[in-house]
Amino acid sequence: MTGTALPVIFVFVVIGVLCLLPMARLVWAALAPGGVLDLSIFLERAAKAATLRATLNTVDTAFFGAVLALLIGVPFALLVSMSDMAGRKLAGFLLLLPLMVAPQVTALSWMHLLGPSSALLGAFGLAPPPGSSNPLLGRGGIIALYGFQHAPIVFITVRAGLAGIPRDYVEAARASGVRPLRVLLDVVLPLVRPYLAAGAALAFVAGIGNFGIPALLGMPVNYLTLTTLIYQQLSSYGSGVLPQVASLSILIGVLALLGVGLQGFALRGRGHRFTAGTSARFSLRGWRLPVSVLAFIVLLVMIALPILALVGTSLIPSYGVPLTWATLTFDNYAEVLTRQASTIRAFVNSTSLAGAAAVILALGAVPLAIALTHLSRRGQRLAHGLVDLPYALPGIVLSSACILLFLKPLPLIGSLYGTAWIILIAYLMRFLALALKPVTTAIGQMSHDLLEAAASSGAGPLRRLLTITTPLAAPAAVAGALLVFMTAFNELTVSALLWSGGHETLGVILFSLEEAGLATHAAAVAVTTIVAVVVLLLAVDRLGHKLPAGVLPWR
């Protein structure tokens, strides 16, 4: 066997098992439920009234949520990348927080901010009248929170385009006497139009697969999207509806892939890597202070107020009690962290499962990234596309695929359904792309002279991997592992369908506590997860100077 054949086999085995196999099983279950290809059954399921209504709701909320994300993300990208606004780096960092916080935490925080029992607004006498409905429930609230949650996606994408605009274009227009606003409208925005389309497409895809927000804001008023319809059917009827669930998952996957395809079409032939220092900056002059203040007020409303509302709810003895010095208590934190068995178990499960996935993927990312370099350019693009597939598709699609794949007993190991192993495997499938990207970028920027010198000195492939490549790629692998841990730690979309008694995750327990009416306990869990995410973000940021450009989007 040649030296190139072994890495190629390794790549295709890993990608085949983690990326292709679950998707193939899902497609087969949807299109060939009886073992024979039969599109009529799939079309019949897709044409049901409940499915059509959920599909319309899904597309509607995802589309208008993406529009709102554009309206928020684009101005911030322009201000952070091309102006002298005060606190640009801090603003960019803060804007990314909604993307790092789990959607169910976002929904919970806004519900506690604007609901009639809002501890924060109630402390100032501004809470809605008791007994009134929460204004966020239903379509409007879902769209609003999609916009807030997915604005960072637009921000990252558009900022990448702005960073690649040659300084000469802007300076030539300014030297000709053109006003800054006209330069922005006639030069800058046309150049980044593909990135605007790509950012909107990615925000749309994120909305298609979002579960936490429509679950908390839509299900109480029977406003169902495809993800919540799948959850409702599996919760009500169990594994007997798996063929129907597979068909719904295929619908979600098709919608998501259409968005991903639009994003790829918009950015065809364009690089995504940041190129620091190429774009010009505009002086805001007398508008610098007002614009900076306005930007941070928007961030305060989007991020700080909902979190403060969540903190306020976590500090009262029961939901609806006014927040005062007399009622302030930390008992909810003591309850969920030290006394409540299910929440303690969820913290342990989420930490161990996310940690195991992060370590396994970090260890595997370096040899996989090296093996990918043995493929042709076309082969590398195909491999990366397949790796991105489980991450690009909504998590609930992957969960459905894992149920179908591991429900029946397997040789030697039996059925994995109902165990923690199925969640771990789903995390490995889902987050491989997150772990691989930083390492691939780091290895791509390494000098080949070191490896060639080691090879000429007689060092074999394994020794070169252990003594040269791994130490140099270690910071990127650690950053990837932290990103995986941070994302998996409090996710809900994947584990919502895969958890079982004794194997609850934080996302699941948070959703269950809110459904059970234990809002103060849910708030305490949510605040704890936010603190953990912020700490991890700061840890990743500390690694920033050791990482290739573009790995951390706020830098």
Protein backbone atom coordinates (compact mmCIF):
# COMPACT_ATOMS: atom_id res chain seq x y z
CA MET A 1 0.00 0.00 0.00
CA THR A 2 1.43 3.43 -0.99
CA GLY A 3 2.11 6.24 1.49
CA THR A 4 -0.78 8.23 0.04
CA ALA A 5 -3.34 5.43 0.05
CA LEU A 6 -3.42 4.99 3.84
CA PRO A 7 -4.27 8.65 4.65
CA VAL A 8 -6.93 8.66 1.92
CA ILE A 9 -8.54 5.50 3.35
CA PHE A 10 -8.43 7.06 6.83
CA VAL A 11 -10.21 10.19 5.57
CA PHE A 12 -12.97 8.27 3.85
CA VAL A 13 -13.52 5.90 6.79
CA VAL A 14 -13.89 8.80 9.26
CA ILE A 15 -16.11 10.84 6.96
CA GLY A 16 -18.12 7.80 5.91
CA VAL A 17 -18.89 6.75 9.48
CA LEU A 18 -19.46 10.18 11.02
CA CYS A 19 -21.02 12.07 8.09
CA LEU A 20 -22.41 9.87 5.32
CA LEU A 21 -23.76 6.84 7.17
CA PRO A 22 -26.36 8.63 9.36
CA MET A 23 -27.59 10.77 6.47
CA ALA A 24 -27.89 7.74 4.19
CA ARG A 25 -29.90 5.88 6.85
CA LEU A 26 -32.27 8.82 7.22
CA VAL A 27 -32.85 9.15 3.48
CA TRP A 28 -33.46 5.42 3.15
CA ALA A 29 -36.00 5.43 5.99
CA ALA A 30 -37.88 8.37 4.42
CA LEU A 31 -37.87 7.25 0.81
CA ALA A 32 -37.88 3.45 1.19
CA PRO A 33 -39.77 2.62 4.41
CA GLY A 34 -40.57 -0.90 3.24
CA GLY A 35 -37.11 -1.58 1.88
CA VAL A 36 -38.19 -0.53 -1.63
CA LEU A 37 -37.89 2.99 -2.99
CA ASP A 38 -41.35 4.57 -2.92
CA LEU A 39 -41.60 8.35 -3.34
CA SER A 40 -45.40 8.32 -3.17
CA ILE A 41 -45.39 7.54 0.56
CA PHE A 42 -42.94 10.37 1.19
CA LEU A 43 -45.04 12.82 -0.84
CA GLU A 44 -48.20 11.69 0.95
CA ARG A 45 -46.62 12.41 4.34
CA ALA A 46 -45.28 15.75 3.16
CA ALA A 47 -48.74 16.78 1.92
CA LYS A 48 -50.47 16.33 5.29
CA ALA A 49 -52.13 19.48 6.61
CA ALA A 50 -50.04 19.58 9.79
CA THR A 51 -46.83 19.16 7.80
CA LEU A 52 -47.73 21.88 5.29
CA ARG A 53 -48.68 24.28 8.09
CA ALA A 54 -45.45 23.57 9.98
CA THR A 55 -43.42 23.97 6.77
CA LEU A 56 -45.03 27.34 6.07
CA ASN A 57 -44.37 28.48 9.64
CA THR A 58 -40.77 27.31 9.38
CA VAL A 59 -40.04 29.17 6.15
CA ASP A 60 -41.96 32.26 7.29
CA THR A 61 -40.19 32.72 10.62
CA ALA A 62 -36.76 31.79 9.21
CA PHE A 63 -37.11 34.27 6.32
CA PHE A 64 -38.25 37.27 8.34
CA GLY A 65 -35.82 36.38 11.12
CA ALA A 66 -33.02 36.50 8.54
CA VAL A 67 -34.25 39.92 7.35
CA LEU A 68 -34.11 41.23 10.92
CA ALA A 69 -30.66 39.68 11.39
CA LEU A 70 -29.49 41.61 8.31
CA LEU A 71 -30.86 44.87 9.71
CA ILE A 72 -28.88 44.32 12.91
CA GLY A 73 -25.74 42.56 11.70
CA VAL A 74 -24.84 44.71 8.69
CA PRO A 75 -24.67 48.10 10.51
CA PHE A 76 -22.56 46.53 13.26
CA ALA A 77 -20.23 44.96 10.69
CA LEU A 78 -19.77 48.36 9.04
CA LEU A 79 -19.17 50.16 12.33
CA VAL A 80 -16.75 47.59 13.73
CA SER A 81 -14.80 47.06 10.48
CA MET A 82 -14.80 50.45 8.78
CA SER A 83 -15.35 53.20 11.35
CA ASP A 84 -13.54 54.72 14.32
CA MET A 85 -16.40 53.92 16.68
CA ALA A 86 -15.27 53.72 20.30
CA GLY A 87 -15.09 50.20 21.73
CA ARG A 88 -15.17 48.42 18.36
CA LYS A 89 -13.54 45.20 19.60
CA LEU A 90 -15.77 45.03 22.66
CA ALA A 91 -18.87 45.63 20.52
CA GLY A 92 -17.86 42.83 18.15
CA PHE A 93 -17.23 40.47 21.06
CA LEU A 94 -20.55 41.29 22.73
CA LEU A 95 -22.51 40.88 19.50
CA LEU A 96 -21.26 37.30 19.22
CA LEU A 97 -22.62 36.31 22.65
CA PRO A 98 -26.18 35.53 21.41
CA LEU A 99 -24.68 33.04 18.96
CA MET A 100 -22.76 31.29 21.74
CA VAL A 101 -25.73 31.16 24.13
CA ALA A 102 -28.16 28.29 23.57
CA PRO A 103 -31.42 29.30 21.81
CA GLN A 104 -33.55 28.01 24.68
CA VAL A 105 -31.61 30.28 27.06
CA THR A 106 -32.23 33.21 24.73
CA ALA A 107 -35.96 32.45 24.63
CA LEU A 108 -36.13 31.96 28.39
CA SER A 109 -34.33 35.23 29.13
CA TRP A 110 -36.64 37.27 26.88
CA MET A 111 -39.74 35.55 28.30
CA HIS A 112 -38.62 36.53 31.78
CA LEU A 113 -37.88 40.07 30.64
CA LEU A 114 -41.23 40.87 28.99
CA GLY A 115 -43.63 38.54 30.81
CA PRO A 116 -46.21 39.77 33.33
CA SER A 117 -44.15 38.32 36.21
CA SER A 118 -40.88 39.94 35.09
CA ALA A 119 -38.72 40.34 38.20
CA LEU A 120 -36.56 42.99 36.51
CA LEU A 121 -39.38 45.18 35.16
CA GLY A 122 -41.47 44.55 38.27
CA ALA A 123 -38.69 46.02 40.43
CA PHE A 124 -39.24 49.33 38.58
CA GLY A 125 -43.03 49.05 38.32
CA LEU A 126 -42.88 48.46 34.56
CA ALA A 127 -44.05 44.84 34.31
CA PRO A 128 -47.15 44.07 32.19
CA PRO A 129 -50.44 43.63 34.12
CA PRO A 130 -50.78 40.30 35.99
CA GLY A 131 -52.61 37.69 33.97
CA SER A 132 -51.71 39.17 30.59
CA SER A 133 -50.10 36.90 28.02
CA ASN A 134 -46.44 37.12 27.19
CA PRO A 135 -46.10 39.29 24.04
CA LEU A 136 -43.35 37.04 22.70
CA LEU A 137 -45.48 33.93 22.36
CA GLY A 138 -46.18 33.01 18.73
CA ARG A 139 -44.89 34.09 15.35
CA GLY A 140 -43.77 37.64 16.17
CA GLY A 141 -41.67 36.62 19.15
CA ILE A 142 -40.01 33.78 17.25
CA ILE A 143 -39.06 36.12 14.39
CA ALA A 144 -37.70 38.75 16.79
CA LEU A 145 -35.51 36.27 18.67
CA TYR A 146 -34.33 34.66 15.43
CA GLY A 147 -33.15 38.12 14.40
CA PHE A 148 -31.30 38.70 17.67
CA GLN A 149 -29.88 35.16 17.82
CA HIS A 150 -28.67 35.07 14.22
CA ALA A 151 -27.47 38.66 13.76
CA PRO A 152 -23.93 37.49 14.73
CA ILE A 153 -23.93 35.12 11.73
CA VAL A 154 -24.59 38.07 9.40
CA PHE A 155 -22.02 40.15 11.28
CA ILE A 156 -19.28 37.53 10.88
CA THR A 157 -20.03 36.91 7.19
CA VAL A 158 -20.28 40.57 6.16
CA ARG A 159 -17.23 41.50 8.22
CA ALA A 160 -15.24 38.88 6.29
CA GLY A 161 -16.27 40.59 3.05
CA LEU A 162 -15.46 44.07 4.37
CA ALA A 163 -12.01 42.94 5.47
CA GLY A 164 -11.22 41.95 1.88
CA ILE A 165 -12.12 45.29 0.26
CA PRO A 166 -8.91 46.88 -1.07
CA ARG A 167 -8.14 50.15 0.68
CA ASP A 168 -7.41 51.77 -2.72
CA TYR A 169 -11.05 51.56 -3.81
CA VAL A 170 -12.28 53.57 -0.86
CA GLU A 171 -9.40 56.05 -0.86
CA ALA A 172 -9.81 56.73 -4.58
CA ALA A 173 -13.50 57.54 -4.08
CA ARG A 174 -12.72 59.81 -1.11
CA ALA A 175 -9.93 61.58 -3.06
CA SER A 176 -12.48 62.36 -5.77
CA GLY A 177 -14.56 64.29 -3.23
CA VAL A 178 -17.26 61.69 -2.74
CA ARG A 179 -18.92 61.88 0.69
CA PRO A 180 -18.48 58.90 3.06
CA LEU A 181 -22.16 57.91 2.88
CA ARG A 182 -22.07 57.86 -0.91
CA VAL A 183 -18.83 55.80 -0.82
CA LEU A 184 -20.59 53.36 1.47
CA LEU A 185 -23.63 53.06 -0.80
CA ASP A 186 -21.88 53.11 -4.19
CA VAL A 187 -18.58 51.33 -3.47
CA VAL A 188 -18.59 49.32 -0.24
CA LEU A 189 -22.05 47.70 -0.23
CA PRO A 190 -21.95 46.62 -3.92
CA LEU A 191 -18.59 44.94 -3.28
CA VAL A 192 -19.94 43.00 -0.30
CA ARG A 193 -23.32 42.17 -1.87
CA PRO A 194 -22.39 38.46 -2.16
CA TYR A 195 -21.56 38.43 1.56
CA LEU A 196 -24.89 40.07 2.36
CA ALA A 197 -26.67 37.30 0.47
CA ALA A 198 -24.49 34.64 2.12
CA GLY A 199 -25.10 36.04 5.61
CA ALA A 200 -28.86 36.15 5.01
CA ALA A 201 -28.79 32.57 3.69
CA LEU A 202 -26.90 31.31 6.73
CA ALA A 203 -29.28 33.13 9.09
CA PHE A 204 -32.18 31.52 7.20
CA VAL A 205 -30.60 28.07 7.59
CA ALA A 206 -30.09 28.68 11.32
CA GLY A 207 -33.77 29.60 11.62
CA ILE A 208 -34.87 26.49 9.74
CA GLY A 209 -33.15 24.23 12.26
CA ASN A 210 -33.76 26.21 15.45
CA PHE A 211 -35.62 24.22 18.10
CA GLY A 212 -35.17 26.01 21.42
CA ILE A 213 -36.86 29.28 20.44
CA PRO A 214 -39.99 27.87 18.72
CA ALA A 215 -40.27 25.20 21.42
CA LEU A 216 -40.58 27.76 24.21
CA LEU A 217 -42.41 30.49 22.25
CA GLY A 218 -44.45 28.48 19.76
CA MET A 219 -45.53 25.22 21.35
CA PRO A 220 -47.48 26.86 24.24
CA VAL A 221 -49.76 28.52 21.64
CA ASN A 222 -49.70 25.55 19.21
CA TYR A 223 -47.58 27.45 16.66
CA LEU A 224 -45.47 24.58 15.33
CA THR A 225 -42.46 24.58 13.06
CA LEU A 226 -41.01 21.41 11.53
CA THR A 227 -38.53 20.92 14.39
CA THR A 228 -41.20 21.22 17.09
CA LEU A 229 -43.60 19.05 15.09
CA ILE A 230 -40.97 16.29 15.05
CA TYR A 231 -40.43 16.67 18.79
CA GLN A 232 -44.17 16.62 19.47
CA GLN A 233 -44.75 13.51 17.39
CA LEU A 234 -41.87 11.54 18.91
CA SER A 235 -42.87 12.61 22.42
CA SER A 236 -46.46 11.54 21.83
CA TYR A 237 -46.08 8.35 19.80
CA GLY A 238 -42.50 7.15 20.30
CA SER A 239 -40.55 5.11 17.77
CA GLY A 240 -43.71 4.10 15.92
CA VAL A 241 -43.66 7.39 13.99
CA LEU A 242 -40.01 7.18 12.94
CA PRO A 243 -40.84 6.86 9.21
CA GLN A 244 -42.97 10.02 9.45
CA VAL A 245 -40.22 11.74 11.44
CA ALA A 246 -37.68 10.74 8.79
CA SER A 247 -39.83 12.38 6.12
CA LEU A 248 -40.13 15.58 8.18
CA SER A 249 -36.38 15.55 8.74
CA ILE A 250 -35.80 15.25 4.99
CA LEU A 251 -38.02 18.32 4.47
CA ILE A 252 -35.97 20.29 7.01
CA GLY A 253 -32.76 19.07 5.41
CA VAL A 254 -33.87 20.11 1.92
CA LEU A 255 -34.79 23.60 3.14
CA ALA A 256 -31.47 23.91 4.98
CA LEU A 257 -29.44 22.68 2.02
CA LEU A 258 -31.20 25.20 -0.23
CA GLY A 259 -29.98 27.93 2.09
CA VAL A 260 -26.47 26.47 2.23
CA GLY A 261 -26.47 26.20 -1.57
CA LEU A 262 -27.47 29.86 -1.86
CA GLN A 263 -24.67 30.82 0.49
CA GLY A 264 -22.15 28.81 -1.53
CA PHE A 265 -23.46 30.28 -4.80
CA ALA A 266 -23.18 33.83 -3.46
CA LEU A 267 -19.58 33.30 -2.33
CA ARG A 268 -18.38 31.22 -5.28
CA GLY A 269 -14.81 32.07 -6.14
CA ARG A 270 -14.37 34.33 -3.11
CA GLY A 271 -12.06 33.75 -0.14
CA HIS A 272 -13.46 33.67 3.37
CA ARG A 273 -10.28 34.36 5.28
CA PHE A 274 -9.82 37.64 7.09
CA THR A 275 -7.08 39.86 5.70
CA ALA A 276 -6.27 42.28 8.47
CA GLY A 277 -5.58 45.89 7.65
CA THR A 278 -6.81 45.98 4.05
CA SER A 279 -10.06 47.90 4.55
CA ALA A 280 -10.15 51.65 5.04
CA ARG A 281 -11.77 53.30 8.05
CA PHE A 282 -14.17 56.21 8.00
CA SER A 283 -14.03 58.90 10.66
CA LEU A 284 -17.39 59.48 12.33
CA ARG A 285 -16.13 62.90 13.50
CA GLY A 286 -18.82 64.65 15.53
CA TRP A 287 -21.06 61.58 15.28
CA ARG A 288 -18.50 59.30 16.94
CA LEU A 289 -19.86 59.62 20.48
CA PRO A 290 -23.60 59.46 19.62
CA VAL A 291 -23.12 56.50 17.27
CA SER A 292 -20.98 54.65 19.82
CA VAL A 293 -23.53 55.27 22.57
CA LEU A 294 -26.41 54.16 20.32
CA ALA A 295 -24.56 50.98 19.33
CA PHE A 296 -23.96 50.01 22.94
CA ILE A 297 -27.57 50.84 23.86
CA VAL A 298 -28.68 48.36 21.17
CA LEU A 299 -26.30 45.76 22.60
CA LEU A 300 -27.60 46.52 26.09
CA VAL A 301 -31.19 45.90 24.98
CA MET A 302 -30.31 42.79 22.94
CA ILE A 303 -27.98 41.12 25.42
CA ALA A 304 -27.71 42.68 28.87
CA LEU A 305 -31.38 43.33 29.71
CA PRO A 306 -32.58 39.75 28.96
CA ILE A 307 -29.68 38.31 30.95
CA LEU A 308 -30.40 40.67 33.85
CA ALA A 309 -34.05 39.59 33.72
CA LEU A 310 -32.91 35.96 33.91
CA VAL A 311 -30.66 36.77 36.86
CA GLY A 312 -33.55 38.58 38.55
CA THR A 313 -35.83 35.56 38.17
CA SER A 314 -33.13 33.28 39.57
CA LEU A 315 -32.88 35.43 42.72
CA ILE A 316 -36.54 35.29 43.83
CA PRO A 317 -38.09 32.44 45.85
CA SER A 318 -40.86 31.72 43.32
CA TYR A 319 -42.02 33.08 40.00
CA GLY A 320 -44.20 36.18 40.38
CA VAL A 321 -42.70 37.31 43.68
CA PRO A 322 -41.38 40.91 43.41
CA LEU A 323 -37.60 41.29 43.50
CA THR A 324 -36.62 43.28 46.59
CA TRP A 325 -33.83 43.15 49.14
CA ALA A 326 -36.23 41.23 51.39
CA THR A 327 -37.06 38.57 48.76
CA LEU A 328 -33.58 38.21 47.25
CA THR A 329 -32.28 34.66 47.68
CA PHE A 330 -29.60 32.37 46.29
CA ASP A 331 -31.53 29.26 47.23
CA ASN A 332 -32.39 28.47 43.60
CA TYR A 333 -28.69 28.09 42.81
CA ALA A 334 -28.17 25.92 45.86
CA GLU A 335 -31.15 23.82 44.79
CA VAL A 336 -30.05 23.14 41.21
CA LEU A 337 -26.33 22.84 41.97
CA THR A 338 -26.35 20.85 45.19
CA ARG A 339 -29.77 19.38 46.04
CA GLN A 340 -31.78 18.60 42.89
CA ALA A 341 -30.67 15.21 41.58
CA SER A 342 -31.83 15.74 38.00
CA THR A 343 -30.04 19.08 37.54
CA ILE A 344 -26.85 17.83 39.19
CA ARG A 345 -26.96 14.80 36.89
CA ALA A 346 -27.54 17.09 33.89
CA PHE A 347 -24.49 19.20 34.77
CA VAL A 348 -22.39 16.05 35.10
CA ASN A 349 -23.76 14.55 31.88
CA SER A 350 -23.30 17.71 29.82
CA THR A 351 -19.80 18.31 31.16
CA SER A 352 -18.68 14.72 30.57
CA LEU A 353 -20.32 14.31 27.15
CA ALA A 354 -19.18 17.71 25.85
CA GLY A 355 -15.72 17.16 27.35
CA ALA A 356 -15.38 13.68 25.85
CA ALA A 357 -16.49 14.94 22.42
CA ALA A 358 -14.05 17.87 22.64
CA VAL A 359 -11.08 15.68 23.61
CA ILE A 360 -11.80 12.96 21.01
CA LEU A 361 -12.29 15.47 18.21
CA ALA A 362 -9.22 17.50 19.20
CA LEU A 363 -7.06 14.35 19.18
CA GLY A 364 -8.50 13.23 15.84
CA ALA A 365 -8.46 16.61 14.13
CA VAL A 366 -4.68 16.78 13.65
CA PRO A 367 -4.19 13.40 11.88
CA LEU A 368 -7.39 13.97 9.89
CA ALA A 369 -6.25 17.43 8.77
CA ILE A 370 -2.87 15.98 7.74
CA ALA A 371 -4.55 13.13 5.87
CA LEU A 372 -6.70 15.65 3.99
CA THR A 373 -3.56 17.28 2.58
CA HIS A 374 -2.91 14.05 0.61
CA LEU A 375 -6.11 14.59 -1.40
CA SER A 376 -6.39 16.66 -4.55
CA ARG A 377 -7.91 20.14 -4.28
CA ARG A 378 -11.22 18.81 -5.57
CA GLY A 379 -11.03 15.90 -3.12
CA GLN A 380 -10.34 18.29 -0.24
CA ARG A 381 -13.34 20.46 -1.16
CA LEU A 382 -15.55 17.36 -1.33
CA ALA A 383 -14.25 16.05 2.01
CA HIS A 384 -14.76 19.39 3.75
CA GLY A 385 -18.26 19.64 2.29
CA LEU A 386 -19.14 16.20 3.69
CA VAL A 387 -17.66 17.10 7.09
CA ASP A 388 -19.72 20.29 7.14
CA LEU A 389 -22.94 18.43 6.27
CA PRO A 390 -23.93 17.22 9.80
CA TYR A 391 -23.14 20.70 11.17
CA ALA A 392 -24.93 22.57 8.39
CA LEU A 393 -28.06 20.45 8.67
CA PRO A 394 -30.35 21.14 11.65
CA GLY A 395 -29.47 19.13 14.75
CA ILE A 396 -32.89 17.54 14.92
CA VAL A 397 -32.23 15.97 11.49
CA LEU A 398 -29.05 14.39 12.82
CA SER A 399 -30.88 13.20 15.93
CA SER A 400 -33.51 11.48 13.81
CA ALA A 401 -30.77 9.84 11.75
CA CYS A 402 -29.02 8.58 14.90
CA ILE A 403 -32.26 7.08 16.25
CA LEU A 404 -32.79 5.21 13.00
CA LEU A 405 -29.16 4.12 12.90
CA PHE A 406 -28.83 2.89 16.48
CA LEU A 407 -32.36 1.84 17.47
CA LYS A 408 -31.95 -1.76 16.38
CA PRO A 409 -29.28 -3.86 18.15
CA LEU A 410 -25.87 -3.82 16.51
CA PRO A 411 -23.44 -6.76 16.48
CA LEU A 412 -21.44 -7.07 19.72
CA ILE A 413 -22.69 -3.78 21.26
CA GLY A 414 -26.49 -4.07 21.01
CA SER A 415 -28.78 -1.03 20.75
CA LEU A 416 -27.30 2.35 21.67
CA TYR A 417 -30.70 4.04 21.81
CA GLY A 418 -31.52 5.12 25.35
CA THR A 419 -27.85 5.29 26.38
CA ALA A 420 -25.39 8.15 26.75
CA TRP A 421 -23.31 6.70 23.91
CA ILE A 422 -25.82 7.76 21.25
CA ILE A 423 -25.57 11.38 22.44
CA LEU A 424 -21.75 11.25 22.41
CA ILE A 425 -21.69 9.79 18.89
CA ALA A 426 -24.15 12.45 17.73
CA TYR A 427 -21.86 15.14 19.19
CA LEU A 428 -18.89 13.66 17.33
CA MET A 429 -20.86 13.74 14.09
CA ARG A 430 -22.27 17.21 14.68
CA PHE A 431 -19.15 19.05 15.84
CA LEU A 432 -16.39 17.45 13.78
CA ALA A 433 -16.45 20.50 11.49
CA LEU A 434 -15.94 22.86 14.46
CA ALA A 435 -12.86 20.97 15.65
CA LEU A 436 -11.37 20.45 12.19
CA LYS A 437 -11.53 23.99 10.79
CA PRO A 438 -8.98 25.68 13.11
CA VAL A 439 -6.55 22.77 12.74
CA THR A 440 -6.88 22.68 8.96
CA THR A 441 -6.20 26.41 8.80
CA ALA A 442 -3.17 26.11 11.08
CA ILE A 443 -1.65 23.20 9.15
CA GLY A 444 -2.31 24.98 5.85
CA GLN A 445 -0.19 27.91 7.06
CA MET A 446 2.76 25.78 8.25
CA SER A 447 6.04 25.93 6.40
CA HIS A 448 6.80 22.71 4.54
CA ASP A 449 10.53 23.23 5.14
CA LEU A 450 10.35 21.82 8.68
CA LEU A 451 8.64 18.61 7.57
CA GLU A 452 10.96 18.19 4.59
CA ALA A 453 14.03 18.72 6.79
CA ALA A 454 12.76 16.14 9.30
CA ALA A 455 11.98 13.66 6.51
CA SER A 456 15.45 14.10 5.01
CA SER A 457 16.90 13.41 8.47
CA GLY A 458 15.14 10.05 8.56
CA ALA A 459 12.11 10.95 10.71
CA GLY A 460 9.12 8.80 9.77
CA PRO A 461 5.53 10.04 9.35
CA LEU A 462 4.55 9.18 12.94
CA ARG A 463 7.56 10.93 14.44
CA ARG A 464 6.95 14.02 12.27
CA LEU A 465 3.33 14.02 13.41
CA LEU A 466 4.26 13.80 17.12
CA THR A 467 7.29 16.10 17.19
CA ILE A 468 6.50 18.79 14.59
CA THR A 469 2.94 18.97 13.34
CA THR A 470 1.11 18.27 16.60
CA PRO A 471 3.02 20.82 18.74
CA LEU A 472 2.55 23.52 16.09
CA ALA A 473 -1.13 22.73 15.61
CA ALA A 474 -1.84 22.24 19.33
CA PRO A 475 -3.15 25.81 20.00
CA ALA A 476 -5.60 25.48 17.09
CA ALA A 477 -6.68 22.02 18.32
CA VAL A 478 -7.23 23.38 21.84
CA ALA A 479 -9.26 26.29 20.44
CA GLY A 480 -11.34 23.85 18.41
CA ALA A 481 -11.87 21.67 21.47
CA LEU A 482 -13.04 24.66 23.51
CA LEU A 483 -15.44 25.67 20.74
CA VAL A 484 -16.82 22.12 20.64
CA PHE A 485 -17.20 21.98 24.43
CA MET A 486 -18.83 25.41 24.57
CA THR A 487 -21.33 24.53 21.84
CA ALA A 488 -22.14 21.03 23.11
CA PHE A 489 -22.29 21.97 26.80
CA ASN A 490 -25.79 23.42 26.75
CA GLU A 491 -27.16 22.44 23.33
CA LEU A 492 -30.72 21.16 23.09
CA THR A 493 -31.43 20.48 19.42
CA VAL A 494 -29.44 17.23 19.22
CA SER A 495 -30.15 15.82 22.66
CA ALA A 496 -33.87 16.73 22.69
CA LEU A 497 -34.68 13.49 20.84
CA LEU A 498 -31.81 11.34 22.15
CA TRP A 499 -31.91 11.74 25.92
CA SER A 500 -33.33 9.13 28.24
CA GLY A 501 -33.83 8.75 32.00
CA GLY A 502 -30.51 9.26 33.76
CA HIS A 503 -28.91 10.79 30.65
CA GLU A 504 -30.45 14.27 30.68
CA THR A 505 -28.34 17.15 29.40
CA LEU A 506 -28.49 20.78 30.52
CA GLY A 507 -30.49 21.85 27.48
CA VAL A 508 -33.06 19.14 28.14
CA ILE A 509 -33.33 19.82 31.88
CA LEU A 510 -33.69 23.56 31.25
CA PHE A 511 -36.56 22.95 28.84
CA SER A 512 -38.16 20.44 31.24
CA LEU A 513 -37.95 22.80 34.24
CA GLU A 514 -39.63 25.61 32.31
CA GLU A 515 -42.37 23.25 31.07
CA ALA A 516 -42.93 22.05 34.65
CA GLY A 517 -43.44 25.62 35.89
CA LEU A 518 -40.16 25.74 37.85
CA ALA A 519 -39.13 29.02 36.23
CA THR A 520 -36.79 30.15 39.02
CA HIS A 521 -34.86 26.87 38.90
CA ALA A 522 -34.68 27.06 35.10
CA ALA A 523 -33.37 30.62 35.37
CA ALA A 524 -30.64 29.53 37.82
CA VAL A 525 -29.53 26.76 35.43
CA ALA A 526 -29.56 29.18 32.49
CA VAL A 527 -27.48 31.82 34.31
CA THR A 528 -24.95 29.17 35.29
CA THR A 529 -24.58 28.04 31.68
CA ILE A 530 -24.15 31.65 30.51
CA VAL A 531 -21.35 32.16 33.03
CA ALA A 532 -19.68 28.96 31.80
CA VAL A 533 -19.95 30.10 28.15
CA VAL A 534 -18.47 33.53 28.91
CA VAL A 535 -15.56 31.96 30.81
CA LEU A 536 -14.89 29.62 27.89
CA LEU A 537 -15.11 32.50 25.40
CA LEU A 538 -12.51 34.42 27.39
CA ALA A 539 -10.30 31.32 27.49
CA VAL A 540 -10.54 30.96 23.70
CA ASP A 541 -9.82 34.67 23.30
CA ARG A 542 -6.62 34.30 25.33
CA LEU A 543 -5.46 31.80 22.71
CA GLY A 544 -6.17 34.29 19.93
CA HIS A 545 -2.60 35.50 19.42
CA LYS A 546 -1.46 31.89 18.85
CA LEU A 547 -4.12 31.09 16.25
CA PRO A 548 -4.25 31.67 12.49
CA ALA A 549 -6.11 34.77 11.33
CA GLY A 550 -9.84 34.23 10.94
CA VAL A 551 -10.27 31.40 13.44
CA LEU A 552 -11.73 33.78 16.03
CA PRO A 553 -14.17 36.06 14.20
CA TRP A 554 -14.21 38.83 16.83
CA ARG A 555 -10.44 39.39 16.40
